[in-house]
Amino acid sequence: MDSTILDIGCGDGSLTSKIFKELIPNCKTMTGCDISEDMIRFANEHYASERVNFTTLNIEGELPDHLRERFHHATSFFAFNWCPRQETAFQNTYDILRDHGSCFAIVTEKVSLYDAYRTLAEAEKWKPWVIDVERYISPYHDSHNSLKEMEQLLGKIGFTTTKLEHKIIFHDYENQENLKGGIMAVVPFKIPDELYDDFFIDLSQEMQMFDTKKYNLKKSTNDSVLNVQILVLYFEKK
């Protein structure tokens, strides 16, 4: 009630708006932030209202003074895993929150999509387009103990960790066309239109191999399923 809330990495604003309307309609204001000016422009045009607004912010950049200790709470869904400078991103989150503020976040940890990126980056067929892959891979993808790493990082910054757990989530897209749309929507590489379908076939085959052989999962892309290992976090500034 009467809280100011920041959604970090809001993208086009649709989820921020949905959370406000369906989960926390009694909060004072909901602000979405994202590094992309185009996303924020779209969000303000389509989802802004009297109590919902959007602003451009790089959470691992220099924090503007007017955002320091401004928000009671923060949320972030699949955004922190895009940040190579993890300590800076979480330090900025700490500085954004008021005393006794909190943050709920979901962070992508491991996914066969990242493994497939690395494989295709070495393939002659895809080398020209699949470049700079490490930029798009979660900092926790290769971790042997991501829970410990995250807990130590949050503690170093000054947060008290209330919840920290590992989960595997399964997205069932029901058919291959839906799966293709879901996966290709997040692929960051500029694949030529004429190679789009071939790329998805090779990508999904690699994902299928890693899911079954590396992660021992029963269902994968052949079954129109995307598996994602995540970290679920709830931490407080006390």
C-alpha atoms as a PDB file:
ATOM      1  CA  MET A   1       0.000   0.000   0.000  1.00  0.00           C
ATOM      2  CA  ASP A   2       1.226   3.495  -0.957  1.00  0.00           C
ATOM      3  CA  SER A   3       4.624   2.174  -2.052  1.00  0.00           C
ATOM      4  CA  THR A   4       6.750   3.358  -4.957  1.00  0.00           C
ATOM      5  CA  ILE A   5       7.974   0.411  -7.008  1.00  0.00           C
ATOM      6  CA  LEU A   6      10.642   0.156  -9.727  1.00  0.00           C
ATOM      7  CA  ASP A   7      10.597  -2.598 -12.355  1.00  0.00           C
ATOM      8  CA  ILE A   8      14.189  -3.040 -13.573  1.00  0.00           C
ATOM      9  CA  GLY A   9      14.537  -4.095 -17.219  1.00  0.00           C
ATOM     10  CA  CYS A  10      10.905  -3.459 -18.112  1.00  0.00           C
ATOM     11  CA  GLY A  11      11.279  -3.936 -21.879  1.00  0.00           C
ATOM     12  CA  ASP A  12       8.174  -2.772 -23.738  1.00  0.00           C
ATOM     13  CA  GLY A  13       6.285  -2.121 -20.478  1.00  0.00           C
ATOM     14  CA  SER A  14       3.583  -4.741 -20.960  1.00  0.00           C
ATOM     15  CA  LEU A  15       4.587  -6.911 -17.991  1.00  0.00           C
ATOM     16  CA  THR A  16       5.096  -3.880 -15.740  1.00  0.00           C
ATOM     17  CA  SER A  17       1.585  -2.720 -16.550  1.00  0.00           C
ATOM     18  CA  LYS A  18       0.160  -6.205 -16.005  1.00  0.00           C
ATOM     19  CA  ILE A  19       1.848  -6.550 -12.597  1.00  0.00           C
ATOM     20  CA  PHE A  20       0.475  -3.162 -11.539  1.00  0.00           C
ATOM     21  CA  LYS A  21      -3.079  -3.911 -12.622  1.00  0.00           C
ATOM     22  CA  GLU A  22      -3.323  -7.519 -11.437  1.00  0.00           C
ATOM     23  CA  LEU A  23      -0.989  -7.827  -8.444  1.00  0.00           C
ATOM     24  CA  ILE A  24      -0.284  -4.470  -6.819  1.00  0.00           C
ATOM     25  CA  PRO A  25      -3.002  -2.007  -7.867  1.00  0.00           C
ATOM     26  CA  ASN A  26      -2.824  -0.254  -4.477  1.00  0.00           C
ATOM     27  CA  CYS A  27       0.796   0.857  -4.805  1.00  0.00           C
ATOM     28  CA  LYS A  28       1.377   4.595  -5.104  1.00  0.00           C
ATOM     29  CA  THR A  29       3.372   4.480  -8.356  1.00  0.00           C
ATOM     30  CA  MET A  30       4.975   1.853 -10.585  1.00  0.00           C
ATOM     31  CA  THR A  31       7.993   2.919 -12.641  1.00  0.00           C
ATOM     32  CA  GLY A  32       9.540   0.762 -15.353  1.00  0.00           C
ATOM     33  CA  CYS A  33      13.144   1.328 -16.415  1.00  0.00           C
ATOM     34  CA  ASP A  34      15.154  -0.090 -19.296  1.00  0.00           C
ATOM     35  CA  ILE A  35      18.427   0.624 -21.079  1.00  0.00           C
ATOM     36  CA  SER A  36      16.642   0.812 -24.444  1.00  0.00           C
ATOM     37  CA  GLU A  37      15.284   4.244 -25.351  1.00  0.00           C
ATOM     38  CA  ASP A  38      13.091   2.659 -28.036  1.00  0.00           C
ATOM     39  CA  MET A  39      11.514   0.319 -25.491  1.00  0.00           C
ATOM     40  CA  ILE A  40      10.835   3.183 -23.072  1.00  0.00           C
ATOM     41  CA  ARG A  41       9.334   5.300 -25.836  1.00  0.00           C
ATOM     42  CA  PHE A  42       7.015   2.422 -26.775  1.00  0.00           C
ATOM     43  CA  ALA A  43       6.143   1.761 -23.122  1.00  0.00           C
ATOM     44  CA  ASN A  44       5.227   5.394 -22.473  1.00  0.00           C
ATOM     45  CA  GLU A  45       3.096   5.500 -25.627  1.00  0.00           C
ATOM     46  CA  HIS A  46       1.188   2.282 -24.868  1.00  0.00           C
ATOM     47  CA  TYR A  47       1.223   1.594 -21.127  1.00  0.00           C
ATOM     48  CA  ALA A  48       1.852   4.820 -19.195  1.00  0.00           C
ATOM     49  CA  SER A  49      -0.944   6.155 -16.998  1.00  0.00           C
ATOM     50  CA  GLU A  50      -1.427   8.437 -14.032  1.00  0.00           C
ATOM     51  CA  ARG A  51       0.381   6.007 -11.702  1.00  0.00           C
ATOM     52  CA  VAL A  52       2.512   4.010 -14.165  1.00  0.00           C
ATOM     53  CA  ASN A  53       5.506   5.632 -15.882  1.00  0.00           C
ATOM     54  CA  PHE A  54       8.692   4.603 -17.666  1.00  0.00           C
ATOM     55  CA  THR A  55      12.232   5.983 -17.763  1.00  0.00           C
ATOM     56  CA  THR A  56      15.518   5.127 -19.466  1.00  0.00           C
ATOM     57  CA  LEU A  57      18.131   3.688 -17.105  1.00  0.00           C
ATOM     58  CA  ASN A  58      21.218   1.503 -17.438  1.00  0.00           C
ATOM     59  CA  ILE A  59      21.165  -0.407 -14.135  1.00  0.00           C
ATOM     60  CA  GLU A  60      24.909  -1.148 -14.420  1.00  0.00           C
ATOM     61  CA  GLY A  61      25.804   2.425 -15.398  1.00  0.00           C
ATOM     62  CA  GLU A  62      26.146   5.628 -13.389  1.00  0.00           C
ATOM     63  CA  LEU A  63      23.108   6.110 -11.163  1.00  0.00           C
ATOM     64  CA  PRO A  64      21.409   9.528 -11.440  1.00  0.00           C
ATOM     65  CA  ASP A  65      21.164  11.355  -8.098  1.00  0.00           C
ATOM     66  CA  HIS A  66      17.401  11.796  -8.340  1.00  0.00           C
ATOM     67  CA  LEU A  67      16.931   8.002  -8.250  1.00  0.00           C
ATOM     68  CA  ARG A  68      18.924   7.412  -5.067  1.00  0.00           C
ATOM     69  CA  GLU A  69      16.818   6.098  -2.177  1.00  0.00           C
ATOM     70  CA  ARG A  70      13.680   6.848  -4.154  1.00  0.00           C
ATOM     71  CA  PHE A  71      11.815   3.513  -4.219  1.00  0.00           C
ATOM     72  CA  HIS A  72      10.322   1.320  -1.504  1.00  0.00           C
ATOM     73  CA  HIS A  73      10.579  -1.855  -3.582  1.00  0.00           C
ATOM     74  CA  ALA A  74      11.979  -3.174  -6.867  1.00  0.00           C
ATOM     75  CA  THR A  75      11.226  -6.075  -9.181  1.00  0.00           C
ATOM     76  CA  SER A  76      13.252  -7.527 -12.033  1.00  0.00           C
ATOM     77  CA  PHE A  77      12.378 -10.379 -14.357  1.00  0.00           C
ATOM     78  CA  PHE A  78      15.159 -11.835 -16.540  1.00  0.00           C
ATOM     79  CA  ALA A  79      17.141  -8.574 -16.681  1.00  0.00           C
ATOM     80  CA  PHE A  80      20.064  -8.930 -14.248  1.00  0.00           C
ATOM     81  CA  ASN A  81      21.405 -11.875 -16.268  1.00  0.00           C
ATOM     82  CA  TRP A  82      22.143  -9.406 -19.112  1.00  0.00           C
ATOM     83  CA  CYS A  83      24.546  -7.478 -16.864  1.00  0.00           C
ATOM     84  CA  PRO A  84      28.244  -8.454 -16.996  1.00  0.00           C
ATOM     85  CA  ARG A  85      28.938  -5.974 -14.173  1.00  0.00           C
ATOM     86  CA  GLN A  86      26.885  -7.824 -11.568  1.00  0.00           C
ATOM     87  CA  GLU A  87      28.221  -5.977  -8.540  1.00  0.00           C
ATOM     88  CA  THR A  88      27.492  -2.581 -10.096  1.00  0.00           C
ATOM     89  CA  ALA A  89      23.953  -3.622 -11.064  1.00  0.00           C
ATOM     90  CA  PHE A  90      23.094  -4.840  -7.566  1.00  0.00           C
ATOM     91  CA  GLN A  91      24.893  -1.931  -5.889  1.00  0.00           C
ATOM     92  CA  ASN A  92      22.770   0.470  -7.931  1.00  0.00           C
ATOM     93  CA  THR A  93      19.677  -1.461  -6.870  1.00  0.00           C
ATOM     94  CA  TYR A  94      20.766  -1.047  -3.248  1.00  0.00           C
ATOM     95  CA  ASP A  95      21.259   2.681  -3.751  1.00  0.00           C
ATOM     96  CA  ILE A  96      17.879   3.060  -5.479  1.00  0.00           C
ATOM     97  CA  LEU A  97      15.999   1.529  -2.538  1.00  0.00           C
ATOM     98  CA  ARG A  98      14.970   3.309   0.624  1.00  0.00           C
ATOM     99  CA  ASP A  99      15.920   1.862   4.009  1.00  0.00           C
ATOM    100  CA  HIS A 100      13.995  -1.371   4.653  1.00  0.00           C
ATOM    101  CA  GLY A 101      13.284  -1.589   0.934  1.00  0.00           C
ATOM    102  CA  SER A 102      13.263  -4.914  -0.900  1.00  0.00           C
ATOM    103  CA  CYS A 103      13.729  -6.458  -4.324  1.00  0.00           C
ATOM    104  CA  PHE A 104      12.197  -9.552  -5.894  1.00  0.00           C
ATOM    105  CA  ALA A 105      14.070 -10.812  -8.947  1.00  0.00           C
ATOM    106  CA  ILE A 106      14.266 -13.749 -11.322  1.00  0.00           C
ATOM    107  CA  VAL A 107      17.660 -14.272 -12.969  1.00  0.00           C
ATOM    108  CA  THR A 108      18.398 -16.691 -15.804  1.00  0.00           C
ATOM    109  CA  GLU A 109      21.121 -19.084 -14.685  1.00  0.00           C
ATOM    110  CA  LYS A 110      21.615 -21.909 -17.189  1.00  0.00           C
ATOM    111  CA  VAL A 111      19.847 -22.637 -20.470  1.00  0.00           C
ATOM    112  CA  SER A 112      20.782 -24.835 -23.426  1.00  0.00           C
ATOM    113  CA  LEU A 113      20.272 -21.794 -25.670  1.00  0.00           C
ATOM    114  CA  TYR A 114      23.581 -20.392 -24.368  1.00  0.00           C
ATOM    115  CA  ASP A 115      25.401 -23.655 -25.029  1.00  0.00           C
ATOM    116  CA  ALA A 116      23.971 -23.702 -28.550  1.00  0.00           C
ATOM    117  CA  TYR A 117      25.187 -20.145 -29.162  1.00  0.00           C
ATOM    118  CA  ARG A 118      28.735 -21.200 -28.372  1.00  0.00           C
ATOM    119  CA  THR A 119      28.553 -24.235 -30.648  1.00  0.00           C
ATOM    120  CA  LEU A 120      27.102 -22.332 -33.614  1.00  0.00           C
ATOM    121  CA  ALA A 121      29.667 -19.565 -33.156  1.00  0.00           C
ATOM    122  CA  GLU A 122      32.322 -22.149 -34.058  1.00  0.00           C
ATOM    123  CA  ALA A 123      30.443 -23.541 -37.067  1.00  0.00           C
ATOM    124  CA  GLU A 124      31.634 -22.240 -40.454  1.00  0.00           C
ATOM    125  CA  LYS A 125      28.037 -21.907 -41.605  1.00  0.00           C
ATOM    126  CA  TRP A 126      27.076 -19.481 -38.804  1.00  0.00           C
ATOM    127  CA  LYS A 127      30.356 -17.779 -37.876  1.00  0.00           C
ATOM    128  CA  PRO A 128      29.627 -14.593 -39.855  1.00  0.00           C
ATOM    129  CA  TRP A 129      26.501 -13.860 -37.813  1.00  0.00           C
ATOM    130  CA  VAL A 130      26.864 -15.575 -34.444  1.00  0.00           C
ATOM    131  CA  ILE A 131      29.402 -13.209 -32.934  1.00  0.00           C
ATOM    132  CA  ASP A 132      30.282 -11.809 -29.505  1.00  0.00           C
ATOM    133  CA  VAL A 133      28.295 -14.630 -27.899  1.00  0.00           C
ATOM    134  CA  GLU A 134      29.667 -14.220 -24.364  1.00  0.00           C
ATOM    135  CA  ARG A 135      27.947 -10.852 -24.211  1.00  0.00           C
ATOM    136  CA  TYR A 136      24.587 -12.629 -24.289  1.00  0.00           C
ATOM    137  CA  ILE A 137      25.285 -15.445 -21.824  1.00  0.00           C
ATOM    138  CA  SER A 138      24.310 -15.249 -18.152  1.00  0.00           C
ATOM    139  CA  PRO A 139      27.211 -14.658 -15.732  1.00  0.00           C
ATOM    140  CA  TYR A 140      25.969 -17.736 -13.841  1.00  0.00           C
ATOM    141  CA  HIS A 141      25.759 -20.138 -16.777  1.00  0.00           C
ATOM    142  CA  ASP A 142      29.168 -21.689 -16.078  1.00  0.00           C
ATOM    143  CA  SER A 143      28.960 -21.417 -12.299  1.00  0.00           C
ATOM    144  CA  HIS A 144      29.358 -24.544 -10.180  1.00  0.00           C
ATOM    145  CA  ASN A 145      27.599 -22.919  -7.213  1.00  0.00           C
ATOM    146  CA  SER A 146      25.530 -19.967  -8.346  1.00  0.00           C
ATOM    147  CA  LEU A 147      23.546 -19.842  -5.089  1.00  0.00           C
ATOM    148  CA  LYS A 148      26.711 -19.289  -3.061  1.00  0.00           C
ATOM    149  CA  GLU A 149      28.039 -16.742  -5.556  1.00  0.00           C
ATOM    150  CA  MET A 150      24.811 -14.758  -5.460  1.00  0.00           C
ATOM    151  CA  GLU A 151      24.516 -14.883  -1.676  1.00  0.00           C
ATOM    152  CA  GLN A 152      28.096 -13.656  -1.261  1.00  0.00           C
ATOM    153  CA  LEU A 153      27.551 -10.841  -3.765  1.00  0.00           C
ATOM    154  CA  LEU A 154      24.351  -9.616  -2.122  1.00  0.00           C
ATOM    155  CA  GLY A 155      25.945  -9.823   1.326  1.00  0.00           C
ATOM    156  CA  LYS A 156      29.001  -7.877   0.190  1.00  0.00           C
ATOM    157  CA  ILE A 157      26.767  -5.045  -1.009  1.00  0.00           C
ATOM    158  CA  GLY A 158      24.816  -4.974   2.253  1.00  0.00           C
ATOM    159  CA  PHE A 159      21.605  -6.805   1.421  1.00  0.00           C
ATOM    160  CA  THR A 160      19.952  -9.344   3.693  1.00  0.00           C
ATOM    161  CA  THR A 161      18.892 -12.337   1.608  1.00  0.00           C
ATOM    162  CA  THR A 162      15.414 -13.566   2.545  1.00  0.00           C
ATOM    163  CA  LYS A 163      14.915 -16.001  -0.318  1.00  0.00           C
ATOM    164  CA  LEU A 164      17.419 -17.525  -2.713  1.00  0.00           C
ATOM    165  CA  GLU A 165      16.652 -20.699  -4.615  1.00  0.00           C
ATOM    166  CA  HIS A 166      17.316 -22.553  -7.820  1.00  0.00           C
ATOM    167  CA  LYS A 167      14.408 -23.634 -10.014  1.00  0.00           C
ATOM    168  CA  ILE A 168      13.900 -25.214 -13.431  1.00  0.00           C
ATOM    169  CA  ILE A 169      10.970 -23.834 -15.409  1.00  0.00           C
ATOM    170  CA  PHE A 170       9.485 -25.440 -18.498  1.00  0.00           C
ATOM    171  CA  HIS A 171       7.818 -23.374 -21.228  1.00  0.00           C
ATOM    172  CA  ASP A 172       5.535 -25.612 -23.299  1.00  0.00           C
ATOM    173  CA  TYR A 173       4.899 -23.807 -26.594  1.00  0.00           C
ATOM    174  CA  GLU A 174       2.552 -26.559 -27.834  1.00  0.00           C
ATOM    175  CA  ASN A 175       3.935 -26.560 -31.396  1.00  0.00           C
ATOM    176  CA  GLN A 176       7.124 -25.821 -33.310  1.00  0.00           C
ATOM    177  CA  GLU A 177       5.955 -22.523 -34.797  1.00  0.00           C
ATOM    178  CA  ASN A 178       5.222 -21.098 -31.346  1.00  0.00           C
ATOM    179  CA  LEU A 179       8.551 -22.400 -30.080  1.00  0.00           C
ATOM    180  CA  LYS A 180      10.373 -20.808 -33.003  1.00  0.00           C
ATOM    181  CA  GLY A 181       8.696 -17.482 -32.314  1.00  0.00           C
ATOM    182  CA  GLY A 182       9.517 -17.643 -28.623  1.00  0.00           C
ATOM    183  CA  ILE A 183      13.184 -18.555 -29.065  1.00  0.00           C
ATOM    184  CA  MET A 184      13.959 -16.376 -32.083  1.00  0.00           C
ATOM    185  CA  ALA A 185      12.423 -13.369 -30.325  1.00  0.00           C
ATOM    186  CA  VAL A 186      15.337 -13.405 -27.867  1.00  0.00           C
ATOM    187  CA  VAL A 187      18.114 -14.407 -30.284  1.00  0.00           C
ATOM    188  CA  PRO A 188      20.331 -11.291 -30.518  1.00  0.00           C
ATOM    189  CA  PHE A 189      22.102 -12.110 -33.778  1.00  0.00           C
ATOM    190  CA  LYS A 190      21.228 -10.532 -37.132  1.00  0.00           C
ATOM    191  CA  ILE A 191      20.463 -13.687 -39.083  1.00  0.00           C
ATOM    192  CA  PRO A 192      19.554 -12.993 -42.766  1.00  0.00           C
ATOM    193  CA  ASP A 193      15.883 -13.590 -43.561  1.00  0.00           C
ATOM    194  CA  GLU A 194      16.672 -16.299 -46.094  1.00  0.00           C
ATOM    195  CA  LEU A 195      18.618 -18.258 -43.442  1.00  0.00           C
ATOM    196  CA  TYR A 196      16.172 -17.702 -40.587  1.00  0.00           C
ATOM    197  CA  ASP A 197      14.470 -21.118 -40.765  1.00  0.00           C
ATOM    198  CA  ASP A 198      17.746 -23.017 -41.202  1.00  0.00           C
ATOM    199  CA  PHE A 199      19.241 -21.218 -38.237  1.00  0.00           C
ATOM    200  CA  PHE A 200      16.347 -22.154 -36.000  1.00  0.00           C
ATOM    201  CA  ILE A 201      16.614 -25.811 -37.044  1.00  0.00           C
ATOM    202  CA  ASP A 202      20.328 -25.953 -36.213  1.00  0.00           C
ATOM    203  CA  LEU A 203      19.835 -23.972 -33.009  1.00  0.00           C
ATOM    204  CA  SER A 204      16.982 -26.153 -31.756  1.00  0.00           C
ATOM    205  CA  GLN A 205      18.892 -29.353 -32.569  1.00  0.00           C
ATOM    206  CA  GLU A 206      21.855 -28.159 -30.523  1.00  0.00           C
ATOM    207  CA  MET A 207      19.543 -27.196 -27.669  1.00  0.00           C
ATOM    208  CA  GLN A 208      17.925 -30.630 -27.792  1.00  0.00           C
ATOM    209  CA  MET A 209      21.340 -32.276 -27.532  1.00  0.00           C
ATOM    210  CA  PHE A 210      22.460 -30.179 -24.558  1.00  0.00           C
ATOM    211  CA  ASP A 211      19.149 -30.538 -22.723  1.00  0.00           C
ATOM    212  CA  THR A 212      19.233 -34.324 -22.934  1.00  0.00           C
ATOM    213  CA  LYS A 213      22.965 -35.030 -22.612  1.00  0.00           C
ATOM    214  CA  LYS A 214      24.253 -32.196 -20.414  1.00  0.00           C
ATOM    215  CA  TYR A 215      21.215 -31.400 -18.265  1.00  0.00           C
ATOM    216  CA  ASN A 216      19.456 -34.813 -18.353  1.00  0.00           C
ATOM    217  CA  LEU A 217      16.055 -33.296 -19.132  1.00  0.00           C
ATOM    218  CA  LYS A 218      13.363 -35.524 -20.605  1.00  0.00           C
ATOM    219  CA  LYS A 219      11.635 -32.960 -22.824  1.00  0.00           C
ATOM    220  CA  SER A 220      13.218 -30.325 -25.037  1.00  0.00           C
ATOM    221  CA  THR A 221      12.805 -28.536 -28.350  1.00  0.00           C
ATOM    222  CA  ASN A 222      11.639 -31.678 -30.181  1.00  0.00           C
ATOM    223  CA  ASP A 223       8.656 -31.576 -27.822  1.00  0.00           C
ATOM    224  CA  SER A 224       8.173 -27.811 -28.281  1.00  0.00           C
ATOM    225  CA  VAL A 225       9.536 -27.238 -24.771  1.00  0.00           C
ATOM    226  CA  LEU A 226      12.057 -24.637 -23.622  1.00  0.00           C
ATOM    227  CA  ASN A 227      13.817 -25.396 -20.326  1.00  0.00           C
ATOM    228  CA  VAL A 228      15.332 -22.565 -18.297  1.00  0.00           C
ATOM    229  CA  GLN A 229      17.224 -22.860 -15.022  1.00  0.00           C
ATOM    230  CA  ILE A 230      16.669 -19.750 -12.920  1.00  0.00           C
ATOM    231  CA  LEU A 231      17.588 -18.140  -9.620  1.00  0.00           C
ATOM    232  CA  VAL A 232      14.699 -16.729  -7.591  1.00  0.00           C
ATOM    233  CA  LEU A 233      15.772 -13.923  -5.252  1.00  0.00           C
ATOM    234  CA  TYR A 234      14.173 -11.819  -2.555  1.00  0.00           C
ATOM    235  CA  PHE A 235      16.545  -9.519  -0.710  1.00  0.00           C
ATOM    236  CA  GLU A 236      16.147  -6.552   1.622  1.00  0.00           C
ATOM    237  CA  LYS A 237      17.988  -3.366   2.504  1.00  0.00           C
ATOM    238  CA  LYS A 238      17.976  -3.264   6.309  1.00  0.00           C
END
